[in-house]
């Protein structure tokens, strides 16, 4: 549910799954009619970018907008880490030198907002 400024709530019409390939088979994804924005790192060492992003986007046959994130690893899509998290779980917080996780997430958030505006006729703000 999304709480709107007016006090009303709205059911989310945009599924957000991570990682969709683990949760749903290709057959299970085919009947989906909602638009999808798929973000996948091209350097994911934990899950295959092909199986986890590229194939699911193809399965959605035109209902998916695919974003391939250059040099992004598996954990790059996690929120930027706090200093405590950096100390406690550096493997989850450390990206390749080419990645600025804060800037990448800012860009992804802008893409998501554009996606909501263009595909659903609504802003996330």
Foldseek 3Di string as FASTA:
>chain_A
DDQDPVRDDDDDQEDDDVQPLVVDPLVRLQVDDAAYEFEEECAEPPDHCCSRGVSSQVSPPPSYHYHYHYQDYDLLPPQADDPVCCVVPVVNHDGPPVDDSVVVVVVVLVVVQVCCCPRVVDGPD
